[in-house]
Amino acid sequence: MSKAGEDFKQAVARKGSFLQTMKAVAWSFFGIRKGAGYEKDVAQLNPVHVIIAGVIGAALFVLVLVLLVNWVIGSGVAGN
């Protein structure tokens, strides 16, 4: 097996929880994270969890924006 394949298997075997991953992704959406926290995340988090959490976070972000726009349009604030 290639070196990249072995590295990926080792990364996927990391024991970081999905909740830790969701917290790390949430911090990344805000763009505020200390360097030490980032290094800890890189060493512990499962990359598959990061991808799933990122997709969930992006979907929630879009949903919140759609709901906000619908609320503003429905309230008549945008028409004035």
Protein backbone atom coordinates (compact mmCIF):
# COMPACT_ATOMS: atom_id res chain seq x y z
CA MET A 1 0.00 0.00 0.00
CA SER A 2 1.22 3.52 -0.73
CA LYS A 3 2.35 5.96 1.94
CA ALA A 4 -0.69 8.17 1.30
CA GLY A 5 -3.04 5.22 1.79
CA GLU A 6 -1.36 4.31 5.06
CA ASP A 7 -1.51 7.93 6.26
CA PHE A 8 -5.21 8.09 5.44
CA LYS A 9 -5.92 4.84 7.33
CA GLN A 10 -4.08 6.21 10.36
CA ALA A 11 -5.99 9.51 10.15
CA VAL A 12 -9.36 7.75 9.91
CA ALA A 13 -8.47 5.63 12.95
CA ARG A 14 -8.10 8.73 15.15
CA LYS A 15 -10.25 8.68 18.26
CA GLY A 16 -11.61 12.25 18.19
CA SER A 17 -15.34 12.31 18.92
CA PHE A 18 -17.91 13.69 16.51
CA LEU A 19 -18.88 16.33 19.10
CA GLN A 20 -15.25 17.55 19.22
CA THR A 21 -15.32 17.69 15.44
CA MET A 22 -18.55 19.71 15.39
CA LYS A 23 -17.06 22.18 17.87
CA ALA A 24 -13.91 22.55 15.77
CA VAL A 25 -15.95 23.11 12.61
CA ALA A 26 -18.15 25.66 14.40
CA TRP A 27 -15.05 27.57 15.52
CA SER A 28 -13.74 27.48 11.96
CA PHE A 29 -16.99 28.98 10.63
CA PHE A 30 -16.42 31.95 12.95
CA GLY A 31 -12.74 32.12 12.02
CA ILE A 32 -11.49 32.28 15.58
CA ARG A 33 -9.25 29.54 16.86
CA LYS A 34 -6.03 29.61 18.83
CA GLY A 35 -3.01 27.99 17.22
CA ALA A 36 -2.66 25.42 19.99
CA GLY A 37 -6.30 24.38 19.62
CA TYR A 38 -5.88 24.03 15.88
CA GLU A 39 -2.81 21.83 16.27
CA LYS A 40 -4.67 19.65 18.78
CA ASP A 41 -7.59 19.29 16.37
CA VAL A 42 -5.34 18.34 13.47
CA ALA A 43 -3.73 15.63 15.58
CA GLN A 44 -6.95 14.17 17.03
CA LEU A 45 -9.86 14.63 14.65
CA ASN A 46 -10.99 12.05 12.13
CA PRO A 47 -10.96 13.61 8.63
CA VAL A 48 -14.17 11.81 7.65
CA HIS A 49 -15.90 13.37 10.66
CA VAL A 50 -14.55 16.78 9.62
CA ILE A 51 -16.05 16.43 6.13
CA ILE A 52 -19.43 15.31 7.49
CA ALA A 53 -19.45 18.08 10.12
CA GLY A 54 -18.52 20.65 7.47
CA VAL A 55 -21.39 19.59 5.22
CA ILE A 56 -23.82 19.69 8.16
CA GLY A 57 -22.50 23.11 9.22
CA ALA A 58 -22.82 24.51 5.69
CA ALA A 59 -26.37 23.14 5.34
CA LEU A 60 -27.37 24.72 8.68
CA PHE A 61 -25.80 28.03 7.63
CA VAL A 62 -27.76 28.07 4.35
CA LEU A 63 -30.98 27.08 6.16
CA VAL A 64 -30.57 29.91 8.67
CA LEU A 65 -29.95 32.40 5.84
CA VAL A 66 -33.03 31.23 3.93
CA LEU A 67 -35.19 31.46 7.06
CA LEU A 68 -33.82 34.94 7.83
CA VAL A 69 -34.51 36.19 4.31
CA ASN A 70 -38.03 34.73 4.37
CA TRP A 71 -38.68 36.39 7.73
CA VAL A 72 -37.43 39.79 6.52
CA ILE A 73 -39.49 39.60 3.32
CA GLY A 74 -42.57 38.38 5.19
CA SER A 75 -42.35 41.11 7.84
CA GLY A 76 -42.49 43.88 5.24
CA VAL A 77 -39.22 45.43 6.41
CA ALA A 78 -37.63 44.91 2.99
CA GLY A 79 -40.48 46.68 1.17
CA ASN A 80 -40.10 50.06 2.89
